[in-house]
Amino acid sequence: MKWLEPGVLENSDHYFSTPSLLAQRLFFYLISAGHFYCQKGYHVQRKNFNSFLLILILNGELTVKADGIPQQAGKNDVILLNCYQPHEYYTNSEVEFVFLHFDGNVSGDYFDIISKNQG
């Protein structure tokens, strides 16, 4: 699916999944995934998105705010966000990244362990 959002370039792709109730109850499951090429002006700010987000920066930089703290992420950096909490990410230049929104019954526990041990 093409994603027409300010800052997202035309050659970007976004895919969605509808997991079964069994998958939602027992497993990690994919909600959406994509490969975005973005230019200056790409900006996402949410209070809640009911998922966890994993981003791999392929080129460029992305500024990420979680817990109100801005951090820069660049090429080969991996970002893990708890989208159940307020979050924001944006670029002031060009950026290319792949991402996936996921969830599952122990996703929050894994997020807490990873963020506590890895920041």
C-alpha atoms as a PDB file:
ATOM      1  CA  MET A   1       0.000   0.000   0.000  1.00  0.00           C
ATOM      2  CA  LYS A   2       1.269   3.454  -0.819  1.00  0.00           C
ATOM      3  CA  TRP A   3       1.381   5.809   2.148  1.00  0.00           C
ATOM      4  CA  LEU A   4       0.482   9.389   1.357  1.00  0.00           C
ATOM      5  CA  GLU A   5       1.581  11.328   4.414  1.00  0.00           C
ATOM      6  CA  PRO A   6       3.580  14.584   4.559  1.00  0.00           C
ATOM      7  CA  GLY A   7       7.267  13.810   4.166  1.00  0.00           C
ATOM      8  CA  VAL A   8       6.799  10.194   2.982  1.00  0.00           C
ATOM      9  CA  LEU A   9       8.085   9.774  -0.561  1.00  0.00           C
ATOM     10  CA  GLU A  10       6.164   7.961  -3.293  1.00  0.00           C
ATOM     11  CA  ASN A  11       8.478   4.939  -3.470  1.00  0.00           C
ATOM     12  CA  SER A  12       7.634   3.981   0.140  1.00  0.00           C
ATOM     13  CA  ASP A  13       5.554   0.911   0.972  1.00  0.00           C
ATOM     14  CA  HIS A  14       3.362   0.032   3.959  1.00  0.00           C
ATOM     15  CA  TYR A  15       1.741  -3.380   4.593  1.00  0.00           C
ATOM     16  CA  PHE A  16      -0.925  -4.393   7.102  1.00  0.00           C
ATOM     17  CA  SER A  17      -1.809  -7.673   8.766  1.00  0.00           C
ATOM     18  CA  THR A  18      -4.920  -8.883  10.569  1.00  0.00           C
ATOM     19  CA  PRO A  19      -3.871 -11.483  13.128  1.00  0.00           C
ATOM     20  CA  SER A  20      -6.303 -14.124  14.337  1.00  0.00           C
ATOM     21  CA  LEU A  21      -7.670 -13.983  17.877  1.00  0.00           C
ATOM     22  CA  LEU A  22      -5.544 -17.019  18.739  1.00  0.00           C
ATOM     23  CA  ALA A  23      -2.399 -15.277  17.474  1.00  0.00           C
ATOM     24  CA  GLN A  24      -3.267 -12.164  19.445  1.00  0.00           C
ATOM     25  CA  ARG A  25      -3.717 -14.208  22.614  1.00  0.00           C
ATOM     26  CA  LEU A  26      -0.692 -16.498  22.351  1.00  0.00           C
ATOM     27  CA  PHE A  27       2.017 -15.131  20.063  1.00  0.00           C
ATOM     28  CA  PHE A  28       3.959 -12.123  18.920  1.00  0.00           C
ATOM     29  CA  TYR A  29       2.103 -10.831  15.887  1.00  0.00           C
ATOM     30  CA  LEU A  30       2.641  -8.321  13.133  1.00  0.00           C
ATOM     31  CA  ILE A  31       0.281  -5.353  12.814  1.00  0.00           C
ATOM     32  CA  SER A  32       2.016  -3.499   9.997  1.00  0.00           C
ATOM     33  CA  ALA A  33       5.416  -3.230   8.342  1.00  0.00           C
ATOM     34  CA  GLY A  34       7.007  -1.042   5.754  1.00  0.00           C
ATOM     35  CA  HIS A  35       9.948   0.542   4.025  1.00  0.00           C
ATOM     36  CA  PHE A  36       9.835   4.330   4.111  1.00  0.00           C
ATOM     37  CA  TYR A  37      11.833   6.922   2.248  1.00  0.00           C
ATOM     38  CA  CYS A  38      11.195  10.288   3.881  1.00  0.00           C
ATOM     39  CA  GLN A  39      12.235  13.876   3.414  1.00  0.00           C
ATOM     40  CA  LYS A  40      12.361  16.854   5.726  1.00  0.00           C
ATOM     41  CA  GLY A  41       8.908  17.375   7.172  1.00  0.00           C
ATOM     42  CA  TYR A  42       8.181  13.744   8.075  1.00  0.00           C
ATOM     43  CA  HIS A  43       6.786  13.885  11.595  1.00  0.00           C
ATOM     44  CA  VAL A  44       4.785  11.423  13.693  1.00  0.00           C
ATOM     45  CA  GLN A  45       3.461  12.396  17.124  1.00  0.00           C
ATOM     46  CA  ARG A  46       1.040  10.182  18.998  1.00  0.00           C
ATOM     47  CA  LYS A  47      -0.359   9.767  22.481  1.00  0.00           C
ATOM     48  CA  ASN A  48      -1.021   6.074  21.869  1.00  0.00           C
ATOM     49  CA  PHE A  49      -0.917   3.595  18.988  1.00  0.00           C
ATOM     50  CA  ASN A  50      -1.598   0.229  20.720  1.00  0.00           C
ATOM     51  CA  SER A  51       1.570  -1.529  19.574  1.00  0.00           C
ATOM     52  CA  PHE A  52       5.324  -1.697  19.854  1.00  0.00           C
ATOM     53  CA  LEU A  53       7.454  -0.306  17.039  1.00  0.00           C
ATOM     54  CA  LEU A  54      10.794  -1.576  15.797  1.00  0.00           C
ATOM     55  CA  ILE A  55      12.694   0.661  13.340  1.00  0.00           C
ATOM     56  CA  LEU A  56      15.995   0.028  11.532  1.00  0.00           C
ATOM     57  CA  ILE A  57      17.565   3.158  10.035  1.00  0.00           C
ATOM     58  CA  LEU A  58      19.114   2.328   6.640  1.00  0.00           C
ATOM     59  CA  ASN A  59      20.261   5.861   5.725  1.00  0.00           C
ATOM     60  CA  GLY A  60      19.976   9.322   7.239  1.00  0.00           C
ATOM     61  CA  GLU A  61      18.830  10.305  10.719  1.00  0.00           C
ATOM     62  CA  LEU A  62      15.644  10.237  12.735  1.00  0.00           C
ATOM     63  CA  THR A  63      14.990  12.110  15.968  1.00  0.00           C
ATOM     64  CA  VAL A  64      12.986  10.035  18.431  1.00  0.00           C
ATOM     65  CA  LYS A  65      11.258  11.278  21.584  1.00  0.00           C
ATOM     66  CA  ALA A  66      10.124   8.847  24.240  1.00  0.00           C
ATOM     67  CA  ASP A  67       9.554   9.879  27.840  1.00  0.00           C
ATOM     68  CA  GLY A  68      10.011  13.452  26.583  1.00  0.00           C
ATOM     69  CA  ILE A  69      13.709  12.874  25.845  1.00  0.00           C
ATOM     70  CA  PRO A  70      14.887  13.496  22.245  1.00  0.00           C
ATOM     71  CA  GLN A  71      17.556  11.160  20.859  1.00  0.00           C
ATOM     72  CA  GLN A  72      19.206  10.980  17.428  1.00  0.00           C
ATOM     73  CA  ALA A  73      19.256   7.691  15.558  1.00  0.00           C
ATOM     74  CA  GLY A  74      21.381   7.184  12.469  1.00  0.00           C
ATOM     75  CA  LYS A  75      22.389   4.566   9.924  1.00  0.00           C
ATOM     76  CA  ASN A  76      22.272   0.997  11.312  1.00  0.00           C
ATOM     77  CA  ASP A  77      20.637   2.103  14.574  1.00  0.00           C
ATOM     78  CA  VAL A  78      17.668   0.120  15.828  1.00  0.00           C
ATOM     79  CA  ILE A  79      14.850   1.850  17.693  1.00  0.00           C
ATOM     80  CA  LEU A  80      12.320   0.087  19.897  1.00  0.00           C
ATOM     81  CA  LEU A  81       9.323   2.164  21.018  1.00  0.00           C
ATOM     82  CA  ASN A  82       6.421   1.413  23.298  1.00  0.00           C
ATOM     83  CA  CYS A  83       3.666   3.060  21.283  1.00  0.00           C
ATOM     84  CA  TYR A  84       1.207   2.573  24.130  1.00  0.00           C
ATOM     85  CA  GLN A  85       3.011   5.575  25.629  1.00  0.00           C
ATOM     86  CA  PRO A  86       3.293   9.074  24.095  1.00  0.00           C
ATOM     87  CA  HIS A  87       6.005   9.120  21.432  1.00  0.00           C
ATOM     88  CA  GLU A  88       7.283  11.224  18.571  1.00  0.00           C
ATOM     89  CA  TYR A  89       9.738  10.800  15.713  1.00  0.00           C
ATOM     90  CA  TYR A  90      10.735  13.075  12.870  1.00  0.00           C
ATOM     91  CA  THR A  91      13.477  14.012  10.446  1.00  0.00           C
ATOM     92  CA  ASN A  92      15.076  17.306   9.451  1.00  0.00           C
ATOM     93  CA  SER A  93      16.712  15.733   6.409  1.00  0.00           C
ATOM     94  CA  GLU A  94      16.249  12.626   4.280  1.00  0.00           C
ATOM     95  CA  VAL A  95      15.903   9.249   5.974  1.00  0.00           C
ATOM     96  CA  GLU A  96      15.282   5.679   4.850  1.00  0.00           C
ATOM     97  CA  PHE A  97      14.102   3.026   7.298  1.00  0.00           C
ATOM     98  CA  VAL A  98      12.257  -0.255   7.609  1.00  0.00           C
ATOM     99  CA  PHE A  99       9.806  -0.766  10.430  1.00  0.00           C
ATOM    100  CA  LEU A 100       7.292  -3.084  11.981  1.00  0.00           C
ATOM    101  CA  HIS A 101       4.499  -2.521  14.455  1.00  0.00           C
ATOM    102  CA  PHE A 102       3.930  -5.638  16.534  1.00  0.00           C
ATOM    103  CA  ASP A 103       2.288  -6.805  19.725  1.00  0.00           C
ATOM    104  CA  GLY A 104       1.678  -9.984  21.675  1.00  0.00           C
ATOM    105  CA  ASN A 105       0.919 -11.094  25.187  1.00  0.00           C
ATOM    106  CA  VAL A 106       4.507 -10.691  26.481  1.00  0.00           C
ATOM    107  CA  SER A 107       5.630  -7.822  24.217  1.00  0.00           C
ATOM    108  CA  GLY A 108       5.411  -5.338  27.088  1.00  0.00           C
ATOM    109  CA  ASP A 109       7.561  -7.559  29.299  1.00  0.00           C
ATOM    110  CA  TYR A 110      10.226  -7.879  26.610  1.00  0.00           C
ATOM    111  CA  PHE A 111      10.136  -4.129  26.002  1.00  0.00           C
ATOM    112  CA  ASP A 112      10.621  -3.438  29.722  1.00  0.00           C
ATOM    113  CA  ILE A 113      13.582  -5.839  29.986  1.00  0.00           C
ATOM    114  CA  ILE A 114      15.270  -4.513  26.841  1.00  0.00           C
ATOM    115  CA  SER A 115      14.786  -0.841  27.728  1.00  0.00           C
ATOM    116  CA  LYS A 116      15.944  -1.408  31.307  1.00  0.00           C
ATOM    117  CA  ASN A 117      19.119  -3.222  30.210  1.00  0.00           C
ATOM    118  CA  GLN A 118      19.887  -1.472  26.922  1.00  0.00           C
ATOM    119  CA  GLY A 119      18.320   1.982  27.260  1.00  0.00           C
END
